[in-house]
Amino acid sequence: MFGFDDKIEFQKNNNDILTVGEILIDMISTEYGDNFESSTYNKLFGGSPSNIAMNVKKLGIHSLVASAVGKDGLGTFLINQLRNADIDTNCVQRTDYPTSLVVLTKSKSSPTPIFYRGADYHLAFTPVLEEYLINSKIVHFSCWPISMVPVRHSIEKVIEKARENHILIGFDPNYHPMIWQRGEDGIRYVKSIIGKVDIIKPSEDDAERLFGKDTHENQIRKFLELGAKLVIMTLGKEGAIVSNGIETVKYNALATDVVDTTGAGDAFWSGFYTAAIKGYTIRESLALGFAVSAYQLKYTGAIVDLPKLEVIKERYGL
């Protein structure tokens, strides 16, 4: 069980976190609007797991990315972004498929995405990936890679190897029907994964897509019943509710200045993981996750120039 006042015990591996899944281009409009009225878009580094890897590096721990990009200019752009951040790119595979991208409208609430998928779902479980995995303390993935084959099989092997080697597994259950193959019961598959991970962070929208409308408390109970060990349900501007099955804690949001919500969830994960690796308790790590998210919300795009975690901690008085 994850006690709120306990510190997480990690394996003594060289790398802190390996994020597995999509690295892609975020095309974000320069103007606000839910109906894609803008005619101008900015090309930005994106992909939830890759955003986390970039963020935690800036916050002060070591990270690696396992993903697949195309043998095209966009793939080269993404790899160069990782290299510029001093992140090892040996687990980024080049494929004959085009680099994936997402088109988003700049938003102060929940951005509306359009998905164009190519290389990302062709990530293979290679000996190189296995070596990097078993030398990491945390592995993180989201619904994106498990939504399509063949990368889903790679994630299944990642989960199996991580459990064998006692590596902490974090899962973002950001289910969205648009990224699943037509006719497949993606909800059923996501539910089958929940009992195999350690920490899960659904938003209230994620929970509703998976279970239908219900109270926050009942939604959390459903995740726990499926085997989740620590459930962090984020509630937007209302903060979050966190439960380990024994104790439930409410957290207030720290954000006061919201410019763009893109990447806010990734920023939370980044702050939480960094704090946990640095030896903070789970309760303290959760608070620092919300502080990093609040800092992120003041800027446009999923990747911003984050300071070290200790600077954010001081800025928010934690």
C-alpha atoms as a PDB file:
ATOM      1  CA  MET A   1       0.000   0.000   0.000  1.00  0.00           C
ATOM      2  CA  PHE A   2       1.106   3.573  -0.703  1.00  0.00           C
ATOM      3  CA  GLY A   3       0.833   5.405   2.618  1.00  0.00           C
ATOM      4  CA  PHE A   4       0.534   9.167   2.162  1.00  0.00           C
ATOM      5  CA  ASP A   5       3.302   9.857   4.670  1.00  0.00           C
ATOM      6  CA  ASP A   6       5.596   7.167   3.262  1.00  0.00           C
ATOM      7  CA  LYS A   7       8.384   7.554   0.759  1.00  0.00           C
ATOM      8  CA  ILE A   8       8.407   5.273  -2.270  1.00  0.00           C
ATOM      9  CA  GLU A   9      11.222   2.724  -2.206  1.00  0.00           C
ATOM     10  CA  PHE A  10      12.849   2.435  -5.642  1.00  0.00           C
ATOM     11  CA  GLN A  11      15.252  -0.051  -7.169  1.00  0.00           C
ATOM     12  CA  LYS A  12      18.848   1.194  -7.225  1.00  0.00           C
ATOM     13  CA  ASN A  13      18.887   1.629 -11.014  1.00  0.00           C
ATOM     14  CA  ASN A  14      20.844   4.238 -12.961  1.00  0.00           C
ATOM     15  CA  ASN A  15      17.957   5.928 -14.769  1.00  0.00           C
ATOM     16  CA  ASP A  16      15.101   7.551 -12.857  1.00  0.00           C
ATOM     17  CA  ILE A  17      12.210   7.308 -15.329  1.00  0.00           C
ATOM     18  CA  LEU A  18      11.578   5.719 -18.720  1.00  0.00           C
ATOM     19  CA  THR A  19       8.518   7.026 -20.540  1.00  0.00           C
ATOM     20  CA  VAL A  20       7.150   4.732 -23.242  1.00  0.00           C
ATOM     21  CA  GLY A  21       4.742   5.763 -25.979  1.00  0.00           C
ATOM     22  CA  GLU A  22       4.212   8.654 -28.318  1.00  0.00           C
ATOM     23  CA  ILE A  23       6.582  11.385 -29.349  1.00  0.00           C
ATOM     24  CA  LEU A  24       4.852  13.603 -31.874  1.00  0.00           C
ATOM     25  CA  ILE A  25       4.225  17.090 -33.193  1.00  0.00           C
ATOM     26  CA  ASP A  26       1.680  19.327 -31.440  1.00  0.00           C
ATOM     27  CA  MET A  27       0.276  21.852 -33.909  1.00  0.00           C
ATOM     28  CA  ILE A  28      -1.352  24.443 -31.610  1.00  0.00           C
ATOM     29  CA  SER A  29      -3.392  27.397 -32.878  1.00  0.00           C
ATOM     30  CA  THR A  30      -2.163  30.914 -32.147  1.00  0.00           C
ATOM     31  CA  GLU A  31      -5.724  32.017 -31.297  1.00  0.00           C
ATOM     32  CA  TYR A  32      -8.350  30.684 -28.895  1.00  0.00           C
ATOM     33  CA  GLY A  33     -11.420  28.968 -30.347  1.00  0.00           C
ATOM     34  CA  ASP A  34     -13.092  25.581 -30.089  1.00  0.00           C
ATOM     35  CA  ASN A  35     -13.982  25.281 -33.782  1.00  0.00           C
ATOM     36  CA  PHE A  36     -10.532  25.666 -35.323  1.00  0.00           C
ATOM     37  CA  GLU A  37     -11.178  29.215 -36.524  1.00  0.00           C
ATOM     38  CA  SER A  38      -7.476  30.051 -36.363  1.00  0.00           C
ATOM     39  CA  SER A  39      -5.511  29.898 -39.613  1.00  0.00           C
ATOM     40  CA  THR A  40      -2.088  29.961 -37.929  1.00  0.00           C
ATOM     41  CA  TYR A  41      -0.516  27.154 -35.900  1.00  0.00           C
ATOM     42  CA  ASN A  42       2.777  26.676 -34.104  1.00  0.00           C
ATOM     43  CA  LYS A  43       4.791  23.452 -34.439  1.00  0.00           C
ATOM     44  CA  LEU A  44       5.736  22.212 -30.967  1.00  0.00           C
ATOM     45  CA  PHE A  45       7.305  19.122 -29.399  1.00  0.00           C
ATOM     46  CA  GLY A  46       4.551  16.877 -28.040  1.00  0.00           C
ATOM     47  CA  GLY A  47       3.373  13.487 -26.870  1.00  0.00           C
ATOM     48  CA  SER A  48       2.422  12.955 -23.243  1.00  0.00           C
ATOM     49  CA  PRO A  49       5.187  10.506 -22.180  1.00  0.00           C
ATOM     50  CA  SER A  50       7.822  12.528 -24.018  1.00  0.00           C
ATOM     51  CA  ASN A  51       6.591  15.749 -22.409  1.00  0.00           C
ATOM     52  CA  ILE A  52       7.084  14.117 -19.004  1.00  0.00           C
ATOM     53  CA  ALA A  53      10.614  13.029 -19.902  1.00  0.00           C
ATOM     54  CA  MET A  54      11.498  16.580 -20.967  1.00  0.00           C
ATOM     55  CA  ASN A  55       9.887  18.108 -17.885  1.00  0.00           C
ATOM     56  CA  VAL A  56      11.526  15.883 -15.273  1.00  0.00           C
ATOM     57  CA  LYS A  57      14.928  16.500 -16.835  1.00  0.00           C
ATOM     58  CA  LYS A  58      14.431  20.224 -16.248  1.00  0.00           C
ATOM     59  CA  LEU A  59      13.094  19.614 -12.744  1.00  0.00           C
ATOM     60  CA  GLY A  60      16.243  17.738 -11.810  1.00  0.00           C
ATOM     61  CA  ILE A  61      16.125  13.952 -12.429  1.00  0.00           C
ATOM     62  CA  HIS A  62      17.231  11.605 -15.232  1.00  0.00           C
ATOM     63  CA  SER A  63      14.845  10.461 -17.967  1.00  0.00           C
ATOM     64  CA  LEU A  64      14.681   8.418 -21.156  1.00  0.00           C
ATOM     65  CA  VAL A  65      12.085   8.149 -23.936  1.00  0.00           C
ATOM     66  CA  ALA A  66      11.102   5.014 -25.848  1.00  0.00           C
ATOM     67  CA  SER A  67       9.105   5.899 -28.959  1.00  0.00           C
ATOM     68  CA  ALA A  68       9.028   5.771 -32.762  1.00  0.00           C
ATOM     69  CA  VAL A  69       9.192   8.584 -35.318  1.00  0.00           C
ATOM     70  CA  GLY A  70       9.343   8.712 -39.087  1.00  0.00           C
ATOM     71  CA  LYS A  71      12.415   9.029 -41.278  1.00  0.00           C
ATOM     72  CA  ASP A  72      11.304  12.551 -42.087  1.00  0.00           C
ATOM     73  CA  GLY A  73      12.017  16.132 -41.099  1.00  0.00           C
ATOM     74  CA  LEU A  74       9.490  16.142 -38.284  1.00  0.00           C
ATOM     75  CA  GLY A  75      11.059  13.012 -36.786  1.00  0.00           C
ATOM     76  CA  THR A  76      14.477  14.654 -36.962  1.00  0.00           C
ATOM     77  CA  PHE A  77      13.063  17.779 -35.301  1.00  0.00           C
ATOM     78  CA  LEU A  78      11.719  15.723 -32.375  1.00  0.00           C
ATOM     79  CA  ILE A  79      14.946  13.777 -31.905  1.00  0.00           C
ATOM     80  CA  ASN A  80      16.953  16.998 -31.982  1.00  0.00           C
ATOM     81  CA  GLN A  81      14.677  18.464 -29.305  1.00  0.00           C
ATOM     82  CA  LEU A  82      15.479  15.511 -27.044  1.00  0.00           C
ATOM     83  CA  ARG A  83      19.179  15.792 -27.746  1.00  0.00           C
ATOM     84  CA  ASN A  84      19.114  19.516 -27.024  1.00  0.00           C
ATOM     85  CA  ALA A  85      17.604  18.619 -23.637  1.00  0.00           C
ATOM     86  CA  ASP A  86      20.494  16.170 -23.060  1.00  0.00           C
ATOM     87  CA  ILE A  87      18.188  13.120 -23.196  1.00  0.00           C
ATOM     88  CA  ASP A  88      19.542   9.849 -24.614  1.00  0.00           C
ATOM     89  CA  THR A  89      17.728   9.001 -27.874  1.00  0.00           C
ATOM     90  CA  ASN A  90      18.856   5.369 -28.246  1.00  0.00           C
ATOM     91  CA  CYS A  91      15.297   4.168 -27.548  1.00  0.00           C
ATOM     92  CA  VAL A  92      13.735   6.422 -30.203  1.00  0.00           C
ATOM     93  CA  GLN A  93      13.235   4.220 -33.255  1.00  0.00           C
ATOM     94  CA  ARG A  94      13.056   5.502 -36.858  1.00  0.00           C
ATOM     95  CA  THR A  95      10.377   3.856 -39.047  1.00  0.00           C
ATOM     96  CA  ASP A  96       9.140   4.071 -42.630  1.00  0.00           C
ATOM     97  CA  TYR A  97       5.847   5.574 -41.412  1.00  0.00           C
ATOM     98  CA  PRO A  98       5.314   9.359 -41.156  1.00  0.00           C
ATOM     99  CA  THR A  99       5.830  11.081 -37.808  1.00  0.00           C
ATOM    100  CA  SER A 100       2.564  11.343 -35.868  1.00  0.00           C
ATOM    101  CA  LEU A 101       0.982  14.694 -35.042  1.00  0.00           C
ATOM    102  CA  VAL A 102      -1.948  16.226 -33.175  1.00  0.00           C
ATOM    103  CA  VAL A 103      -3.716  19.451 -34.126  1.00  0.00           C
ATOM    104  CA  LEU A 104      -5.046  21.432 -31.144  1.00  0.00           C
ATOM    105  CA  THR A 105      -6.844  24.686 -30.499  1.00  0.00           C
ATOM    106  CA  LYS A 106      -5.342  26.917 -27.826  1.00  0.00           C
ATOM    107  CA  SER A 107      -7.658  26.561 -24.829  1.00  0.00           C
ATOM    108  CA  LYS A 108      -8.250  27.656 -21.248  1.00  0.00           C
ATOM    109  CA  SER A 109     -10.400  24.565 -20.588  1.00  0.00           C
ATOM    110  CA  SER A 110      -9.921  21.194 -22.342  1.00  0.00           C
ATOM    111  CA  PRO A 111      -8.348  21.433 -25.808  1.00  0.00           C
ATOM    112  CA  THR A 112     -10.086  19.655 -28.700  1.00  0.00           C
ATOM    113  CA  PRO A 113      -7.568  17.414 -30.528  1.00  0.00           C
ATOM    114  CA  ILE A 114      -7.491  15.964 -34.029  1.00  0.00           C
ATOM    115  CA  PHE A 115      -5.157  12.948 -34.298  1.00  0.00           C
ATOM    116  CA  TYR A 116      -2.943  11.974 -37.254  1.00  0.00           C
ATOM    117  CA  ARG A 117      -1.119   8.754 -36.375  1.00  0.00           C
ATOM    118  CA  GLY A 118       1.750   7.098 -38.199  1.00  0.00           C
ATOM    119  CA  ALA A 119       5.115   6.073 -36.764  1.00  0.00           C
ATOM    120  CA  ASP A 120       4.139   6.157 -33.079  1.00  0.00           C
ATOM    121  CA  TYR A 121       2.253   2.853 -33.067  1.00  0.00           C
ATOM    122  CA  HIS A 122       5.137   0.917 -34.594  1.00  0.00           C
ATOM    123  CA  LEU A 123       7.401   1.024 -31.527  1.00  0.00           C
ATOM    124  CA  ALA A 124       8.987  -2.429 -31.125  1.00  0.00           C
ATOM    125  CA  PHE A 125      10.104  -4.125 -27.897  1.00  0.00           C
ATOM    126  CA  THR A 126      13.798  -4.521 -28.694  1.00  0.00           C
ATOM    127  CA  PRO A 127      16.758  -5.734 -26.602  1.00  0.00           C
ATOM    128  CA  VAL A 128      17.836  -2.085 -26.345  1.00  0.00           C
ATOM    129  CA  LEU A 129      14.453  -1.068 -24.946  1.00  0.00           C
ATOM    130  CA  GLU A 130      14.503  -3.981 -22.490  1.00  0.00           C
ATOM    131  CA  GLU A 131      17.976  -3.022 -21.262  1.00  0.00           C
ATOM    132  CA  TYR A 132      16.977   0.590 -20.663  1.00  0.00           C
ATOM    133  CA  LEU A 133      13.766  -0.508 -18.953  1.00  0.00           C
ATOM    134  CA  ILE A 134      15.368  -2.789 -16.388  1.00  0.00           C
ATOM    135  CA  ASN A 135      17.854  -0.028 -15.558  1.00  0.00           C
ATOM    136  CA  SER A 136      15.075   2.457 -14.685  1.00  0.00           C
ATOM    137  CA  LYS A 137      13.287   3.134 -11.385  1.00  0.00           C
ATOM    138  CA  ILE A 138       9.939   4.166 -12.927  1.00  0.00           C
ATOM    139  CA  VAL A 139       8.226   3.339 -16.213  1.00  0.00           C
ATOM    140  CA  HIS A 140       5.305   5.447 -17.408  1.00  0.00           C
ATOM    141  CA  PHE A 141       2.804   5.061 -20.264  1.00  0.00           C
ATOM    142  CA  SER A 142      -0.654   6.277 -21.262  1.00  0.00           C
ATOM    143  CA  CYS A 143      -3.627   4.979 -23.260  1.00  0.00           C
ATOM    144  CA  TRP A 144      -2.152   6.210 -26.527  1.00  0.00           C
ATOM    145  CA  PRO A 145       0.236   3.287 -27.185  1.00  0.00           C
ATOM    146  CA  ILE A 146      -2.117   0.579 -25.925  1.00  0.00           C
ATOM    147  CA  SER A 147      -4.826   1.762 -28.326  1.00  0.00           C
ATOM    148  CA  MET A 148      -3.230   0.202 -31.420  1.00  0.00           C
ATOM    149  CA  VAL A 149      -1.291  -2.864 -32.515  1.00  0.00           C
ATOM    150  CA  PRO A 150       1.650  -3.561 -32.785  1.00  0.00           C
ATOM    151  CA  VAL A 151       2.826  -1.074 -30.118  1.00  0.00           C
ATOM    152  CA  ARG A 152       0.251  -2.485 -27.673  1.00  0.00           C
ATOM    153  CA  HIS A 153       2.178  -5.757 -27.595  1.00  0.00           C
ATOM    154  CA  SER A 154       5.353  -3.804 -26.813  1.00  0.00           C
ATOM    155  CA  ILE A 155       3.635  -2.144 -23.850  1.00  0.00           C
ATOM    156  CA  GLU A 156       2.409  -5.522 -22.596  1.00  0.00           C
ATOM    157  CA  LYS A 157       6.024  -6.735 -22.589  1.00  0.00           C
ATOM    158  CA  VAL A 158       7.117  -3.535 -20.839  1.00  0.00           C
ATOM    159  CA  ILE A 159       4.550  -4.134 -18.076  1.00  0.00           C
ATOM    160  CA  GLU A 160       5.604  -7.781 -17.721  1.00  0.00           C
ATOM    161  CA  LYS A 161       9.322  -6.932 -17.453  1.00  0.00           C
ATOM    162  CA  ALA A 162       8.699  -4.007 -15.104  1.00  0.00           C
ATOM    163  CA  ARG A 163       6.708  -6.193 -12.715  1.00  0.00           C
ATOM    164  CA  GLU A 164       9.386  -8.892 -12.820  1.00  0.00           C
ATOM    165  CA  ASN A 165      12.047  -6.323 -11.900  1.00  0.00           C
ATOM    166  CA  HIS A 166      10.008  -4.418  -9.279  1.00  0.00           C
ATOM    167  CA  ILE A 167       9.990  -1.182 -11.287  1.00  0.00           C
ATOM    168  CA  LEU A 168       7.269   1.331 -10.358  1.00  0.00           C
ATOM    169  CA  ILE A 169       4.594   1.540 -13.081  1.00  0.00           C
ATOM    170  CA  GLY A 170       2.624   4.750 -13.666  1.00  0.00           C
ATOM    171  CA  PHE A 171      -0.370   4.758 -16.029  1.00  0.00           C
ATOM    172  CA  ASP A 172      -2.340   7.687 -17.414  1.00  0.00           C
ATOM    173  CA  PRO A 173      -5.776   6.212 -18.349  1.00  0.00           C
ATOM    174  CA  ASN A 174      -6.545   9.039 -20.802  1.00  0.00           C
ATOM    175  CA  TYR A 175      -8.988   6.960 -22.829  1.00  0.00           C
ATOM    176  CA  HIS A 176     -10.317   8.687 -25.943  1.00  0.00           C
ATOM    177  CA  PRO A 177     -12.416   6.676 -28.429  1.00  0.00           C
ATOM    178  CA  MET A 178     -10.962   8.550 -31.430  1.00  0.00           C
ATOM    179  CA  ILE A 179      -7.532   6.922 -31.051  1.00  0.00           C
ATOM    180  CA  TRP A 180      -8.823   3.331 -30.928  1.00  0.00           C
ATOM    181  CA  GLN A 181      -9.433   1.124 -33.917  1.00  0.00           C
ATOM    182  CA  ARG A 182     -13.053   1.112 -34.987  1.00  0.00           C
ATOM    183  CA  GLY A 183     -15.095  -1.725 -33.538  1.00  0.00           C
ATOM    184  CA  GLU A 184     -12.662  -2.494 -30.698  1.00  0.00           C
ATOM    185  CA  ASP A 185     -13.768  -2.386 -27.060  1.00  0.00           C
ATOM    186  CA  GLY A 186     -11.054  -0.046 -25.829  1.00  0.00           C
ATOM    187  CA  ILE A 187     -12.745   0.536 -22.495  1.00  0.00           C
ATOM    188  CA  ARG A 188     -12.613  -3.160 -21.673  1.00  0.00           C
ATOM    189  CA  TYR A 189      -8.923  -3.296 -22.554  1.00  0.00           C
ATOM    190  CA  VAL A 190      -8.040  -0.247 -20.437  1.00  0.00           C
ATOM    191  CA  LYS A 191      -9.842  -1.779 -17.455  1.00  0.00           C
ATOM    192  CA  SER A 192      -7.789  -4.966 -17.890  1.00  0.00           C
ATOM    193  CA  ILE A 193      -4.563  -2.942 -17.537  1.00  0.00           C
ATOM    194  CA  ILE A 194      -5.464  -1.085 -14.328  1.00  0.00           C
ATOM    195  CA  GLY A 195      -4.708  -3.965 -11.963  1.00  0.00           C
ATOM    196  CA  LYS A 196      -1.215  -4.356 -13.425  1.00  0.00           C
ATOM    197  CA  VAL A 197       0.031  -0.851 -12.582  1.00  0.00           C
ATOM    198  CA  ASP A 198       0.958   0.920  -9.356  1.00  0.00           C
ATOM    199  CA  ILE A 199      -0.180   4.541  -9.758  1.00  0.00           C
ATOM    200  CA  ILE A 200      -2.989   5.806 -11.960  1.00  0.00           C
ATOM    201  CA  LYS A 201      -4.092   9.401 -12.621  1.00  0.00           C
ATOM    202  CA  PRO A 202      -7.469   9.735 -14.324  1.00  0.00           C
ATOM    203  CA  SER A 203      -9.092  13.100 -14.927  1.00  0.00           C
ATOM    204  CA  GLU A 204     -12.816  13.274 -14.178  1.00  0.00           C
ATOM    205  CA  ASP A 205     -13.380  13.173 -17.963  1.00  0.00           C
ATOM    206  CA  ASP A 206     -11.266  10.009 -18.242  1.00  0.00           C
ATOM    207  CA  ALA A 207     -13.291   8.371 -15.472  1.00  0.00           C
ATOM    208  CA  GLU A 208     -16.578   9.297 -17.122  1.00  0.00           C
ATOM    209  CA  ARG A 209     -15.461   7.865 -20.473  1.00  0.00           C
ATOM    210  CA  LEU A 210     -14.485   4.604 -18.774  1.00  0.00           C
ATOM    211  CA  PHE A 211     -17.338   4.191 -16.261  1.00  0.00           C
ATOM    212  CA  GLY A 212     -20.087   6.660 -17.176  1.00  0.00           C
ATOM    213  CA  LYS A 213     -21.334   9.481 -14.963  1.00  0.00           C
ATOM    214  CA  ASP A 214     -21.004   9.014 -11.210  1.00  0.00           C
ATOM    215  CA  THR A 215     -19.736  10.763  -8.099  1.00  0.00           C
ATOM    216  CA  HIS A 216     -16.003  11.307  -7.744  1.00  0.00           C
ATOM    217  CA  GLU A 217     -15.886   8.978  -4.758  1.00  0.00           C
ATOM    218  CA  ASN A 218     -17.607   6.177  -6.670  1.00  0.00           C
ATOM    219  CA  GLN A 219     -15.313   6.652  -9.666  1.00  0.00           C
ATOM    220  CA  ILE A 220     -12.245   6.314  -7.452  1.00  0.00           C
ATOM    221  CA  ARG A 221     -13.723   3.214  -5.833  1.00  0.00           C
ATOM    222  CA  LYS A 222     -14.121   1.620  -9.282  1.00  0.00           C
ATOM    223  CA  PHE A 223     -10.437   2.147 -10.080  1.00  0.00           C
ATOM    224  CA  LEU A 224      -9.467   0.663  -6.706  1.00  0.00           C
ATOM    225  CA  GLU A 225     -11.733  -2.342  -7.241  1.00  0.00           C
ATOM    226  CA  LEU A 226      -9.957  -3.024 -10.542  1.00  0.00           C
ATOM    227  CA  GLY A 227      -6.665  -3.246  -8.663  1.00  0.00           C
ATOM    228  CA  ALA A 228      -5.202   0.280  -8.743  1.00  0.00           C
ATOM    229  CA  LYS A 229      -2.990   0.892  -5.700  1.00  0.00           C
ATOM    230  CA  LEU A 230      -2.957   4.723  -5.703  1.00  0.00           C
ATOM    231  CA  VAL A 231      -5.633   6.700  -7.578  1.00  0.00           C
ATOM    232  CA  ILE A 232      -5.149  10.394  -8.299  1.00  0.00           C
ATOM    233  CA  MET A 233      -8.316  11.856  -9.818  1.00  0.00           C
ATOM    234  CA  THR A 234      -7.723  15.375 -11.120  1.00  0.00           C
ATOM    235  CA  LEU A 235     -10.711  17.727 -11.162  1.00  0.00           C
ATOM    236  CA  GLY A 236      -9.419  20.697 -13.153  1.00  0.00           C
ATOM    237  CA  LYS A 237      -9.764  23.992 -11.284  1.00  0.00           C
ATOM    238  CA  GLU A 238     -11.340  22.065  -8.370  1.00  0.00           C
ATOM    239  CA  GLY A 239      -8.046  20.294  -7.597  1.00  0.00           C
ATOM    240  CA  ALA A 240      -7.960  16.543  -7.069  1.00  0.00           C
ATOM    241  CA  ILE A 241      -9.040  13.626  -4.886  1.00  0.00           C
ATOM    242  CA  VAL A 242      -6.426  10.978  -4.076  1.00  0.00           C
ATOM    243  CA  SER A 243      -6.992   7.564  -2.495  1.00  0.00           C
ATOM    244  CA  ASN A 244      -4.881   4.545  -1.587  1.00  0.00           C
ATOM    245  CA  GLY A 245      -7.964   2.507  -0.665  1.00  0.00           C
ATOM    246  CA  ILE A 246      -7.608   3.273   3.056  1.00  0.00           C
ATOM    247  CA  GLU A 247      -7.283   7.049   3.186  1.00  0.00           C
ATOM    248  CA  THR A 248      -8.714   9.671   0.811  1.00  0.00           C
ATOM    249  CA  VAL A 249      -7.277  13.199   0.584  1.00  0.00           C
ATOM    250  CA  LYS A 250      -8.593  16.303  -1.223  1.00  0.00           C
ATOM    251  CA  TYR A 251      -6.140  18.705  -2.854  1.00  0.00           C
ATOM    252  CA  ASN A 252      -6.972  22.234  -3.946  1.00  0.00           C
ATOM    253  CA  ALA A 253      -5.692  23.537  -7.277  1.00  0.00           C
ATOM    254  CA  LEU A 254      -2.816  26.013  -7.030  1.00  0.00           C
ATOM    255  CA  ALA A 255      -3.266  27.600 -10.472  1.00  0.00           C
ATOM    256  CA  THR A 256      -4.331  31.256 -10.469  1.00  0.00           C
ATOM    257  CA  ASP A 257      -3.219  32.297 -13.973  1.00  0.00           C
ATOM    258  CA  VAL A 258      -4.340  29.958 -16.782  1.00  0.00           C
ATOM    259  CA  VAL A 259      -3.069  30.733 -20.293  1.00  0.00           C
ATOM    260  CA  ASP A 260      -3.249  27.262 -21.876  1.00  0.00           C
ATOM    261  CA  THR A 261      -4.201  23.874 -20.413  1.00  0.00           C
ATOM    262  CA  THR A 262      -2.131  21.831 -22.902  1.00  0.00           C
ATOM    263  CA  GLY A 263       0.228  19.565 -20.968  1.00  0.00           C
ATOM    264  CA  ALA A 264      -1.095  20.394 -17.495  1.00  0.00           C
ATOM    265  CA  GLY A 265      -1.602  16.717 -16.640  1.00  0.00           C
ATOM    266  CA  ASP A 266       1.889  15.868 -17.874  1.00  0.00           C
ATOM    267  CA  ALA A 267       3.281  18.659 -15.698  1.00  0.00           C
ATOM    268  CA  PHE A 268       1.559  17.155 -12.654  1.00  0.00           C
ATOM    269  CA  TRP A 269       3.037  13.715 -13.368  1.00  0.00           C
ATOM    270  CA  SER A 270       6.454  15.353 -13.835  1.00  0.00           C
ATOM    271  CA  GLY A 271       6.374  17.148 -10.496  1.00  0.00           C
ATOM    272  CA  PHE A 272       5.054  14.089  -8.680  1.00  0.00           C
ATOM    273  CA  TYR A 273       7.653  11.708 -10.123  1.00  0.00           C
ATOM    274  CA  THR A 274      10.533  14.133  -9.582  1.00  0.00           C
ATOM    275  CA  ALA A 275       9.556  14.717  -5.953  1.00  0.00           C
ATOM    276  CA  ALA A 276       9.156  10.982  -5.298  1.00  0.00           C
ATOM    277  CA  ILE A 277      12.586  10.238  -6.781  1.00  0.00           C
ATOM    278  CA  LYS A 278      14.099  13.038  -4.682  1.00  0.00           C
ATOM    279  CA  GLY A 279      12.798  11.384  -1.521  1.00  0.00           C
ATOM    280  CA  TYR A 280       9.664  13.352  -0.673  1.00  0.00           C
ATOM    281  CA  THR A 281       6.683  11.533   0.823  1.00  0.00           C
ATOM    282  CA  ILE A 282       3.699  10.746  -1.347  1.00  0.00           C
ATOM    283  CA  ARG A 283       1.728  13.548   0.304  1.00  0.00           C
ATOM    284  CA  GLU A 284       4.530  16.033  -0.409  1.00  0.00           C
ATOM    285  CA  SER A 285       5.037  14.673  -3.932  1.00  0.00           C
ATOM    286  CA  LEU A 286       1.355  15.188  -4.739  1.00  0.00           C
ATOM    287  CA  ALA A 287       1.523  18.813  -3.582  1.00  0.00           C
ATOM    288  CA  LEU A 288       4.625  19.414  -5.680  1.00  0.00           C
ATOM    289  CA  GLY A 289       2.915  17.835  -8.678  1.00  0.00           C
ATOM    290  CA  PHE A 290       0.141  20.407  -8.426  1.00  0.00           C
ATOM    291  CA  ALA A 291       2.697  23.201  -8.030  1.00  0.00           C
ATOM    292  CA  VAL A 292       4.482  22.204 -11.248  1.00  0.00           C
ATOM    293  CA  SER A 293       1.120  21.985 -13.038  1.00  0.00           C
ATOM    294  CA  ALA A 294       0.180  25.476 -11.818  1.00  0.00           C
ATOM    295  CA  TYR A 295       3.481  26.827 -13.125  1.00  0.00           C
ATOM    296  CA  GLN A 296       2.932  25.118 -16.495  1.00  0.00           C
ATOM    297  CA  LEU A 297      -0.569  26.594 -16.924  1.00  0.00           C
ATOM    298  CA  LYS A 298       0.869  30.099 -17.198  1.00  0.00           C
ATOM    299  CA  TYR A 299       2.391  29.295 -20.602  1.00  0.00           C
ATOM    300  CA  THR A 300       1.359  28.021 -24.057  1.00  0.00           C
ATOM    301  CA  GLY A 301       2.255  24.484 -25.117  1.00  0.00           C
ATOM    302  CA  ALA A 302       3.120  21.251 -23.378  1.00  0.00           C
ATOM    303  CA  ILE A 303       6.820  22.072 -22.911  1.00  0.00           C
ATOM    304  CA  VAL A 304       7.865  25.206 -21.040  1.00  0.00           C
ATOM    305  CA  ASP A 305      11.111  26.349 -19.448  1.00  0.00           C
ATOM    306  CA  LEU A 306      10.606  24.795 -16.027  1.00  0.00           C
ATOM    307  CA  PRO A 307      13.034  25.658 -13.218  1.00  0.00           C
ATOM    308  CA  LYS A 308      14.372  23.063 -10.777  1.00  0.00           C
ATOM    309  CA  LEU A 309      11.784  21.477  -8.486  1.00  0.00           C
ATOM    310  CA  GLU A 310      13.222  23.240  -5.436  1.00  0.00           C
ATOM    311  CA  VAL A 311      12.584  26.651  -7.050  1.00  0.00           C
ATOM    312  CA  ILE A 312       8.925  25.780  -7.686  1.00  0.00           C
ATOM    313  CA  LYS A 313       8.618  24.394  -4.157  1.00  0.00           C
ATOM    314  CA  GLU A 314       9.809  27.710  -2.733  1.00  0.00           C
ATOM    315  CA  ARG A 315       7.667  29.783  -5.107  1.00  0.00           C
ATOM    316  CA  TYR A 316       4.482  28.039  -3.959  1.00  0.00           C
ATOM    317  CA  GLY A 317       5.468  27.952  -0.308  1.00  0.00           C
ATOM    318  CA  LEU A 318       5.528  24.164   0.012  1.00  0.00           C
END
